[in-house]
Protein backbone atom coordinates (compact mmCIF):
# COMPACT_ATOMS: atom_id res chain seq x y z
CA MET A 1 134.63 91.80 -39.11
CA LYS A 2 131.55 91.42 -36.67
CA ARG A 3 134.23 89.10 -34.17
CA LEU A 4 136.48 92.65 -34.42
CA LYS A 5 134.19 94.53 -33.61
CA ALA A 6 133.00 92.50 -31.06
CA LEU A 7 136.58 92.31 -29.71
CA PHE A 8 136.72 96.29 -29.79
CA HIS A 9 133.45 97.18 -28.43
CA PRO A 10 134.80 96.87 -24.72
CA ILE A 11 138.36 98.32 -25.37
CA PHE A 12 136.49 101.14 -27.02
CA VAL A 13 133.54 102.04 -23.75
CA PHE A 14 137.07 101.26 -21.45
CA VAL A 15 138.54 103.98 -23.46
CA VAL A 16 135.11 106.37 -23.93
CA VAL A 17 134.64 105.97 -19.51
CA GLN A 18 138.43 106.52 -18.59
CA VAL A 19 137.94 110.04 -20.93
CA ALA A 20 135.10 110.94 -19.31
CA TRP A 21 135.79 110.59 -15.65
CA ILE A 22 139.21 112.31 -16.24
CA GLY A 23 137.18 115.53 -17.89
CA LEU A 24 135.09 114.91 -15.13
CA MET A 25 137.78 115.23 -12.70
CA ALA A 26 139.73 118.65 -14.38
CA VAL A 27 136.05 120.01 -13.57
CA TRP A 28 135.65 119.36 -10.55
CA ILE A 29 139.68 120.44 -9.93
CA TYR A 30 138.97 123.58 -11.81
CA TRP A 31 135.53 124.73 -10.40
CA TYR A 32 137.42 124.00 -6.71
């Protein structure tokens, strides 16, 4: 279980960063 979590963690972080970046760009485009 710990090994699976260690493998999954970088993928989860990457997905969160991508979603945050897309959200930021959407807000930027919406405002301007």
